[in-house]
Protein backbone atom coordinates (compact mmCIF):
# COMPACT_ATOMS: atom_id res chain seq x y z
CA MET A 1 131.84 40.73 129.02
CA ASN A 2 130.20 43.13 131.02
CA GLY A 3 132.75 45.22 132.87
CA PRO A 4 132.80 45.30 136.82
CA ARG A 5 130.63 47.68 138.55
CA ILE A 6 132.25 47.85 141.86
CA TYR A 7 130.77 49.20 145.29
CA ASN A 8 133.09 49.31 147.87
CA LEU A 9 131.22 48.46 151.22
CA PHE A 10 133.96 49.89 153.51
CA PRO A 11 134.21 47.77 156.67
CA LEU A 12 134.13 50.69 159.41
CA LEU A 13 131.15 52.56 158.11
CA ALA A 14 129.35 49.53 157.53
CA GLY A 15 129.64 48.11 161.09
CA PRO A 16 129.34 44.93 162.37
CA VAL A 17 129.50 41.78 159.85
CA THR A 18 125.93 40.74 161.16
CA ARG A 19 124.64 44.40 159.09
CA TRP A 20 126.38 44.06 156.37
CA ASP A 21 123.40 42.37 154.38
CA ALA A 22 121.01 45.00 155.00
CA HIS A 23 123.26 47.40 152.42
CA LEU A 24 122.46 44.69 149.93
CA ASP A 25 119.30 45.87 148.11
CA ARG A 26 120.71 49.32 147.31
CA ILE A 27 123.71 48.12 145.71
CA ALA A 28 121.99 45.55 143.38
CA ARG A 29 119.41 48.52 142.85
CA MET A 30 121.97 51.01 141.63
CA GLY A 31 123.35 48.21 139.20
CA PHE A 32 126.36 47.28 140.31
CA ASN A 33 127.86 43.39 140.12
CA TRP A 34 130.38 43.74 142.54
CA VAL A 35 131.26 44.30 146.03
CA TYR A 36 134.66 45.38 147.08
CA MET A 37 135.55 44.90 150.94
CA ASN A 38 138.53 45.95 152.70
CA PRO A 39 140.41 43.93 154.51
CA ILE A 40 138.35 42.84 157.07
CA GLN A 41 141.01 40.71 159.25
CA TYR A 42 142.31 41.10 162.69
CA ALA A 43 144.15 44.88 163.06
CA GLY A 44 147.37 44.93 164.83
CA PHE A 45 148.15 47.92 167.11
CA SER A 46 147.30 50.33 165.08
CA GLY A 47 143.89 49.33 164.22
CA SER A 48 144.84 50.27 161.02
CA LEU A 49 142.54 47.69 158.40
CA TYR A 50 145.80 47.54 156.36
CA ALA A 51 148.39 46.07 159.56
CA ILE A 52 147.11 43.05 159.75
CA LYS A 53 148.13 41.18 162.54
CA ASP A 54 146.50 37.89 161.72
CA PRO A 55 144.87 37.23 158.37
CA TYR A 56 142.77 33.86 159.58
CA ALA A 57 141.01 36.44 162.30
CA TYR A 58 138.60 39.03 162.27
CA ASN A 59 138.66 42.83 163.20
CA GLN A 60 137.89 43.33 166.15
CA VAL A 61 134.95 46.02 165.50
CA LEU A 62 133.69 43.83 162.56
CA SER A 63 133.47 41.05 165.53
CA GLU A 64 131.18 43.19 168.14
CA GLY A 65 128.55 41.02 169.48
CA LEU A 66 129.81 37.72 168.27
CA GLN A 67 131.42 35.12 170.38
CA PRO A 68 135.56 35.38 170.27
CA GLY A 69 137.05 32.68 167.47
CA PRO A 70 136.79 33.06 163.81
CA GLY A 71 133.57 30.61 163.72
CA ALA A 72 130.69 33.03 164.38
CA PHE A 73 132.34 35.55 161.99
CA GLU A 74 132.45 33.11 159.13
CA LYS A 75 129.34 31.93 159.53
CA HIS A 76 127.85 35.37 159.31
CA LEU A 77 130.53 36.10 156.56
CA ARG A 78 129.13 32.98 154.30
CA LEU A 79 125.64 34.10 155.01
CA PHE A 80 126.57 37.55 153.74
CA ILE A 81 128.41 36.49 150.24
CA ALA A 82 125.71 33.97 149.64
CA ALA A 83 122.77 36.83 150.04
CA ALA A 84 125.09 38.69 147.73
CA GLU A 85 125.02 35.88 145.15
CA THR A 86 121.27 35.94 145.68
CA ARG A 87 120.96 39.62 144.11
CA GLY A 88 123.59 39.30 141.28
CA LEU A 89 126.22 40.57 143.56
CA ARG A 90 130.09 39.02 143.57
CA VAL A 91 132.00 39.51 146.11
CA MET A 92 135.70 40.82 146.07
CA LEU A 93 138.16 41.07 148.99
CA ASP A 94 141.80 43.72 149.24
CA LEU A 95 144.65 41.10 149.74
CA VAL A 96 147.50 43.03 151.40
CA ILE A 97 150.64 41.03 150.86
CA ASN A 98 153.31 43.44 150.46
CA HIS A 99 153.22 44.02 154.41
CA THR A 100 151.92 42.92 157.47
CA SER A 101 151.50 44.72 161.01
CA LYS A 102 154.68 44.96 162.90
CA ASP A 103 153.15 42.83 165.28
CA ALA A 104 151.95 40.24 163.37
CA ILE A 105 151.69 36.61 164.16
CA LEU A 106 154.10 35.80 161.14
CA ALA A 107 156.55 38.57 162.10
CA GLU A 108 156.94 36.29 165.00
CA ALA A 109 156.91 32.92 163.62
CA HIS A 110 159.02 33.45 160.78
CA PRO A 111 160.88 37.19 160.87
CA ASN A 112 163.20 36.15 158.28
CA TRP A 113 160.44 36.87 155.88
CA TYR A 114 161.02 40.36 156.40
CA ARG A 115 163.43 43.09 155.50
CA HIS A 116 165.38 44.37 158.32
CA GLU A 117 167.12 47.50 159.47
CA GLU A 118 171.08 47.23 159.93
CA ASP A 119 170.00 47.25 163.83
CA GLY A 120 168.24 44.43 162.79
CA SER A 121 164.90 45.94 163.60
CA LEU A 122 161.46 45.21 160.86
CA ARG A 123 162.20 47.43 158.11
CA SER A 124 158.79 49.95 157.98
CA PRO A 125 157.41 50.71 154.04
CA SER A 126 158.23 54.26 153.16
CA ALA A 127 157.65 56.94 150.19
CA ILE A 128 159.12 59.69 148.83
CA ASP A 129 156.87 62.74 148.10
CA PRO A 130 157.87 63.61 144.06
CA ALA A 131 157.31 67.00 144.79
CA ASP A 132 159.72 67.37 147.73
CA ALA A 133 162.35 64.65 148.20
CA ARG A 134 162.81 65.66 151.59
CA CYS A 135 159.84 64.82 152.88
CA ILE A 136 159.38 60.90 153.25
CA THR A 137 156.59 59.32 154.75
CA VAL A 138 157.53 56.18 156.58
CA TRP A 139 154.29 53.59 157.72
CA GLY A 140 155.64 52.87 161.38
CA ASP A 141 153.16 50.16 162.35
CA LEU A 142 153.44 48.11 158.75
CA ALA A 143 156.71 45.65 157.73
CA GLU A 144 157.90 44.80 154.86
CA LEU A 145 157.80 41.50 153.33
CA ASP A 146 160.87 40.86 151.78
CA TYR A 147 160.73 38.79 148.22
CA GLU A 148 163.70 39.66 147.08
CA ARG A 149 165.17 36.52 148.24
CA PRO A 150 164.34 33.01 147.44
CA GLU A 151 163.81 31.43 150.61
CA SER A 152 161.70 33.97 151.82
CA ARG A 153 159.73 34.27 148.83
CA ASP A 154 158.89 31.01 148.27
CA GLY A 155 157.87 30.84 151.88
CA LEU A 156 155.70 33.44 151.59
CA THR A 157 154.16 32.13 148.19
CA LEU A 158 153.06 28.61 149.86
CA TYR A 159 151.58 31.19 152.36
CA TRP A 160 149.57 33.33 150.36
CA LYS A 161 148.32 30.16 148.21
CA ARG A 162 146.82 28.65 151.20
CA PHE A 163 145.21 31.78 152.35
CA LEU A 164 143.80 32.63 149.09
CA GLU A 165 142.28 28.70 148.83
CA HIS A 166 140.83 29.67 152.68
CA ALA A 167 139.59 32.99 151.13
CA ILE A 168 138.00 31.50 148.16
CA ALA A 169 136.18 28.53 149.89
CA LEU A 170 134.59 30.96 152.28
CA GLY A 171 132.83 32.62 149.18
CA PHE A 172 135.27 35.46 147.44
CA CYS A 173 135.32 35.20 143.93
CA GLY A 174 137.62 38.50 143.60
CA PHE A 175 140.82 40.15 144.76
CA ARG A 176 141.85 43.87 144.90
CA CYS A 177 145.33 43.17 145.43
CA ASP A 178 146.67 46.18 146.96
CA ALA A 179 150.24 48.09 146.15
CA ALA A 180 150.69 45.16 143.44
CA TYR A 181 153.83 46.38 142.15
CA LYS A 182 155.49 46.31 145.74
CA VAL A 183 155.27 41.93 144.49
CA PRO A 184 157.35 40.78 142.02
CA ALA A 185 155.23 39.54 139.07
CA GLU A 186 156.48 35.77 139.67
CA THR A 187 155.04 35.57 142.83
CA TRP A 188 151.63 36.88 141.15
CA ARG A 189 151.70 34.46 138.46
CA ALA A 190 152.37 31.54 141.03
CA LEU A 191 149.20 33.12 143.22
CA ILE A 192 147.26 33.96 140.57
CA ASP A 193 147.51 30.57 139.20
CA ALA A 194 146.74 28.74 142.13
CA ALA A 195 143.37 30.55 143.13
CA ARG A 196 142.00 29.78 139.52
CA ARG A 197 142.99 25.97 139.78
CA VAL A 198 140.23 26.11 142.95
CA ARG A 199 137.80 28.64 140.69
CA ALA A 200 138.60 29.38 137.27
CA ASP A 201 136.19 32.78 137.09
CA THR A 202 138.17 34.03 140.09
CA LEU A 203 138.93 37.99 139.13
CA PHE A 204 142.09 39.84 140.11
CA CYS A 205 142.62 43.43 139.96
CA ALA A 206 145.84 45.55 140.31
CA GLU A 207 146.09 48.55 142.53
CA THR A 208 149.07 49.98 140.03
CA LEU A 209 147.98 54.35 140.92
CA GLY A 210 151.49 55.82 140.78
CA CYS A 211 153.86 52.93 139.51
CA ARG A 212 155.51 53.42 136.39
CA LEU A 213 154.96 52.04 133.36
CA GLU A 214 157.53 49.12 133.38
CA GLU A 215 155.97 47.85 136.76
CA THR A 216 152.76 48.28 135.11
CA HIS A 217 153.73 46.11 132.14
CA GLY A 218 155.01 43.42 134.74
CA ILE A 219 152.24 43.10 136.47
CA ALA A 220 149.80 42.67 133.59
CA ALA A 221 151.66 39.95 132.87
CA ALA A 222 151.44 38.10 135.67
CA GLY A 223 147.79 37.28 134.47
CA PHE A 224 145.95 40.43 136.43
CA ASP A 225 142.58 41.25 134.93
CA LEU A 226 141.96 44.59 135.49
CA LEU A 227 144.10 47.86 136.17
CA PHE A 228 143.43 51.31 138.02
CA ASN A 229 143.35 53.92 135.99
CA SER A 230 144.46 57.50 137.45
CA SER A 231 141.59 59.62 135.00
CA LYS A 232 140.13 60.61 138.43
CA TRP A 233 142.98 63.42 138.04
CA TRP A 234 142.26 64.58 134.52
CA ASP A 235 141.18 68.24 133.75
CA TYR A 236 139.92 66.83 130.50
CA ARG A 237 142.21 68.75 128.80
CA ALA A 238 146.01 67.81 129.59
CA PRO A 239 147.25 65.09 127.52
CA TRP A 240 148.74 62.43 130.12
CA CYS A 241 145.55 60.78 130.67
CA LEU A 242 144.84 60.01 127.20
CA GLN A 243 148.60 58.73 126.86
CA GLN A 244 148.46 56.73 129.64
CA TYR A 245 144.96 54.97 128.91
CA GLU A 246 146.57 54.32 125.03
CA ALA A 247 149.81 53.14 126.61
CA HIS A 248 147.78 50.95 129.51
CA ARG A 249 145.11 49.31 127.33
CA HIS A 250 146.96 46.80 125.57
CA LEU A 251 148.07 45.28 128.77
CA ALA A 252 144.78 44.84 130.62
CA PRO A 253 141.30 46.79 130.77
CA SER A 254 141.26 49.17 133.83
CA ILE A 255 138.72 50.72 136.64
CA SER A 256 138.19 54.02 136.90
CA PHE A 257 136.71 56.18 140.11
CA PRO A 258 135.59 59.64 140.77
CA GLU A 259 136.95 58.55 144.85
CA THR A 260 138.03 55.93 146.26
CA HIS A 261 138.84 55.19 150.01
CA ASP A 262 142.12 56.70 149.88
CA THR A 263 141.22 60.03 148.19
CA PRO A 264 139.16 63.09 149.49
CA ARG A 265 135.42 63.06 149.24
CA LEU A 266 134.67 64.43 145.94
CA ALA A 267 131.67 66.05 147.42
CA GLU A 268 134.03 68.01 149.86
CA GLU A 269 136.41 68.62 146.96
CA SER A 270 133.76 70.31 145.32
CA LEU A 271 131.83 72.31 148.00
CA GLY A 272 128.49 69.85 148.02
CA ARG A 273 128.05 70.54 144.15
CA SER A 274 126.11 67.33 142.79
CA GLU A 275 126.60 67.97 139.21
CA ILE A 276 130.36 67.68 139.64
CA LEU A 277 129.49 64.20 141.43
CA ARG A 278 127.13 63.22 138.31
CA GLN A 279 129.65 64.44 135.82
CA ARG A 280 132.52 62.84 137.51
CA TYR A 281 130.85 59.38 137.62
CA LEU A 282 129.25 59.09 134.27
CA PHE A 283 132.13 59.98 133.10
CA ALA A 284 134.24 57.01 134.90
CA ALA A 285 131.49 54.49 134.20
CA ALA A 286 132.38 55.76 130.40
CA PHE A 287 135.84 56.33 129.94
CA SER A 288 137.04 52.41 130.74
CA ALA A 289 136.11 48.59 131.53
CA GLY A 290 135.43 49.11 135.29
CA VAL A 291 133.95 52.00 137.19
CA MET A 292 133.98 51.68 141.25
CA ILE A 293 132.65 53.81 144.24
CA PRO A 294 132.97 53.71 147.76
CA MET A 295 129.79 53.85 150.24
CA GLY A 296 128.80 56.86 150.79
CA PHE A 297 129.64 58.53 147.28
CA GLU A 298 125.53 57.98 146.74
CA TYR A 299 124.77 60.30 149.20
CA GLY A 300 127.25 62.99 148.68
CA ALA A 301 129.27 62.17 151.76
CA ARG A 302 131.95 64.75 152.37
CA LYS A 303 133.63 63.09 155.50
CA LYS A 304 136.87 61.29 154.44
CA LEU A 305 137.26 57.49 154.91
CA ASP A 306 139.98 56.67 157.29
CA VAL A 307 141.17 53.15 157.69
CA MET A 308 141.80 53.41 161.63
CA HIS A 309 139.06 55.67 162.86
CA SER A 310 135.48 55.42 160.51
CA ARG A 311 132.76 54.24 162.24
CA VAL A 312 128.94 53.57 161.73
CA SER A 313 128.43 56.92 163.48
CA ASP A 314 130.28 58.63 160.84
CA ARG A 315 127.57 58.51 158.68
CA GLU A 316 126.12 61.49 157.09
CA PRO A 317 122.54 62.82 156.53
CA VAL A 318 121.77 62.39 153.00
CA ALA A 319 123.07 65.36 151.07
CA CYS A 320 121.78 64.40 147.52
CA ASP A 321 120.79 61.23 146.41
CA LEU A 322 122.14 59.97 143.11
CA THR A 323 121.07 56.29 143.31
CA GLU A 324 118.78 56.09 140.69
CA PHE A 325 121.35 58.14 138.45
CA ILE A 326 123.56 55.93 139.22
CA ALA A 327 121.31 53.02 138.96
CA ALA A 328 120.40 54.73 134.87
CA VAL A 329 124.62 55.46 134.13
CA ASN A 330 125.10 51.51 135.16
CA ALA A 331 122.25 50.34 132.78
CA TRP A 332 123.36 52.42 130.12
CA LYS A 333 126.92 50.97 130.60
CA ALA A 334 126.01 47.57 130.88
CA SER A 335 124.02 47.75 127.72
CA THR A 336 126.73 49.18 125.30
CA PRO A 337 129.39 46.93 124.65
CA VAL A 338 131.93 49.39 123.98
CA LEU A 339 131.91 50.98 127.83
CA ASN A 340 132.92 47.89 129.00
CA GLY A 341 135.91 47.72 126.99
CA GLU A 342 139.55 49.83 126.32
CA ALA A 343 138.61 50.54 122.99
CA PRO A 344 140.83 53.41 121.70
CA ILE A 345 139.48 56.81 122.24
CA ARG A 346 140.55 60.10 120.07
CA VAL A 347 139.93 63.91 120.81
CA VAL A 348 137.43 65.14 117.85
CA SER A 349 136.70 68.48 119.12
CA ALA A 350 139.38 71.61 118.51
CA ALA A 351 141.41 72.74 121.46
CA GLU A 352 139.72 76.14 120.97
CA GLU A 353 136.39 74.69 121.83
CA GLY A 354 134.98 74.89 125.36
CA ALA A 355 134.04 71.61 125.07
CA VAL A 356 135.86 68.49 124.66
CA ARG A 357 134.13 65.58 122.57
CA LEU A 358 135.61 62.41 122.99
CA TYR A 359 134.95 59.49 120.25
CA LYS A 360 135.43 55.77 121.50
CA SER A 361 135.36 52.67 119.23
CA VAL A 362 136.66 49.67 118.56
CA GLU A 363 138.00 51.15 115.30
CA ALA A 364 138.27 54.69 116.38
CA LEU A 365 141.85 54.94 114.82
CA SER A 366 140.78 53.56 111.51
CA THR A 367 139.88 56.38 108.85
CA GLY A 368 136.30 56.78 107.66
CA HIS A 369 135.31 54.17 110.27
CA ARG A 370 131.44 53.55 110.61
CA ALA A 371 130.24 52.02 113.58
CA THR A 372 127.44 49.80 114.72
CA PRO A 373 125.19 50.23 117.17
CA GLY A 374 127.18 49.26 120.74
CA ASP A 375 130.80 49.39 118.81
CA ALA A 376 131.26 53.02 119.70
CA ALA A 377 130.00 55.98 122.17
CA MET A 378 130.73 59.69 122.18
CA LEU A 379 131.60 62.00 125.36
CA TRP A 380 130.80 65.67 125.01
CA ILE A 381 132.01 67.37 127.95
CA ASN A 382 131.73 70.77 129.57
CA PRO A 383 134.42 70.97 132.20
CA GLY A 384 133.39 75.01 132.46
CA GLU A 385 131.27 76.80 134.32
CA ILE A 386 129.26 78.83 131.31
CA ASP A 387 126.95 77.45 128.93
CA ILE A 388 128.60 76.03 125.54
CA PRO A 389 126.58 76.42 122.41
CA VAL A 390 125.60 72.62 120.42
CA PRO A 391 126.02 73.13 116.96
CA GLU A 392 123.87 71.47 114.80
CA SER A 393 127.28 69.88 113.07
CA TRP A 394 128.26 67.96 116.24
CA MET A 395 124.92 66.13 115.82
CA GLU A 396 125.60 65.46 112.25
CA GLU A 397 129.51 64.17 113.55
CA ALA A 398 127.47 62.13 116.26
CA GLU A 399 125.23 60.54 113.83
CA ARG A 400 127.94 59.74 111.40
CA LEU A 401 130.51 58.61 113.49
CA LEU A 402 128.28 56.43 115.53
CA GLY A 403 126.73 54.61 112.20
CA ALA A 404 123.08 55.79 113.51
CA GLY A 405 122.08 55.53 110.03
CA GLY A 406 117.94 55.79 109.78
CA ARG A 407 118.13 54.42 113.46
CA GLY A 408 119.06 57.91 115.06
CA ILE A 409 120.96 59.01 118.22
CA GLU A 410 120.05 58.05 122.26
CA GLY A 411 121.75 59.31 125.07
CA ILE A 412 122.84 59.73 128.51
CA SER A 413 123.37 63.07 130.51
CA SER A 414 124.73 63.80 133.60
CA ARG A 415 121.73 66.73 133.90
CA GLU A 416 118.81 65.85 132.61
CA ALA A 417 116.00 64.92 135.09
CA GLY A 418 114.18 62.47 132.71
CA GLY A 419 115.13 59.28 131.95
CA ALA A 420 116.99 57.54 129.45
CA GLY A 421 115.54 56.94 126.16
CA LYS A 422 115.57 56.16 122.37
CA ALA A 423 115.50 58.98 120.26
CA GLY A 424 112.38 61.15 120.17
CA GLU A 425 110.87 59.49 123.89
CA THR A 426 111.26 62.50 125.58
CA GLY A 427 108.69 61.67 128.30
CA ASN A 428 110.78 59.08 130.18
CA THR A 429 111.04 60.15 134.07
CA GLY A 430 113.22 58.60 136.72
CA ALA A 431 117.51 59.54 137.04
CA ALA A 432 118.82 61.99 135.20
CA ALA A 433 119.43 61.02 131.98
CA GLY A 434 117.77 61.70 128.48
CA PRO A 435 118.21 61.30 124.79
CA ILE A 436 120.18 63.42 122.40
CA GLU A 437 116.76 65.15 121.41
CA VAL A 438 116.98 66.98 124.56
CA LEU A 439 119.97 68.75 123.60
CA ARG A 440 118.45 69.72 120.45
CA ALA A 441 115.00 70.78 122.38
CA ARG A 442 116.51 72.68 124.60
CA GLU A 443 115.49 76.72 124.02
CA SER A 444 119.25 77.44 124.48
CA GLY A 445 120.86 74.63 123.09
CA VAL A 446 123.58 74.19 125.08
CA LEU A 447 125.45 71.89 127.01
CA ARG A 448 125.59 73.37 130.74
CA PRO A 449 128.67 73.82 132.94
CA GLN A 450 129.80 70.76 134.63
CA GLU A 451 127.86 68.77 132.16
CA ILE A 452 128.98 65.19 130.45
CA VAL A 453 126.37 63.43 127.51
CA VAL A 454 127.21 60.03 126.41
CA LEU A 455 125.76 59.00 122.85
CA ARG A 456 125.41 55.91 121.12
CA ALA A 457 123.25 54.73 117.86
CA VAL A 458 119.95 53.36 118.80
CA LYS A 459 119.88 49.63 118.34
CA ASP A 460 117.78 47.54 115.95
CA ARG A 461 114.44 46.54 117.08
CA VAL A 462 114.49 42.50 117.47
């Protein structure tokens, strides 16, 4: 099974629903197989995409130019989903069921389904800064739903079952479940089962960033297909990322990302350095089963996405065009089975080395294992700012661990200008990729600053 390669078409930046299909050809050319939409429903008084007032009506900004009422919007929505499917793209919707806007129609109809303060007002969700317990963020435009009391939980479960049936009927076949750990696992299990009775291949991705391991265990057991991981913040050195990966990979596959709509833009964080964007995308694609980017990453956008205020006018001029590079990486990922799952990963580099070398294999923990093509890969990463020499011993190690035999090794690099190809084909053109022989042929024989190379054995010719 190919892991999900997800493009987040951020609705407020994409504009009215009538314009969404203009992005589909670009998304398909980059080799994505999913389009993920943040909430598109009618927003409450704050205007935030995640403060939903009515899940059956549609966002005012996205409905520009349409007749009032859901009919016109849903007509264009169905056309958009159908157009995506003709390009091999499935469409995923953000599912937000742990809270609503404070002025939601559900709060008026069923106030007993919400949590309340001592004075009877609706309770807003909040979070404590782990670095400073005195700093508490309160989302005053939101109201928390109450899944603890059986009577409210039963009502909410039925309410969201009906919404899922509606969304699937519109054509959505996947859901990214916002703050999934805020909703009980038994509720998720009921909702996932109900959705799959309508459409058996419905995909459910749990947004679990920041939750505890025991919470992740509970969520995964509810039937989610994928989780999200925190590899975006890994410095390639600290042990926590591989420890988290090993703890979670037995629960469900995961999705990596170089940035999301919630994080600062990587281009802004890196001061516009395209080599860091390339490195982080190739790493994300190789590290876990799924990979995701938000709209604008492919062009080096630096302005952070905003769930209230982003608009079409916030699109930026192209700073660096990564579309061909992303297409090459996605093709490489799709054709390498081990990169579409959560196989064991171990570090094979020494602590004193400047580079980090990782071995990902379905049998990575078996001593003396010899891989077959496609079931193993190696990642060579230079996270620093100086060239790192590539000794011949690394090449020999790669050939042995990857089970190359007489076939040889091929690789894709975040810094090469040539196209990806099999060993010995150094004349390819296209995206930023290249075979291992490129490293051997380099006059300096080095891994360049902020470079990552992903290697695999050359497949037998049929």
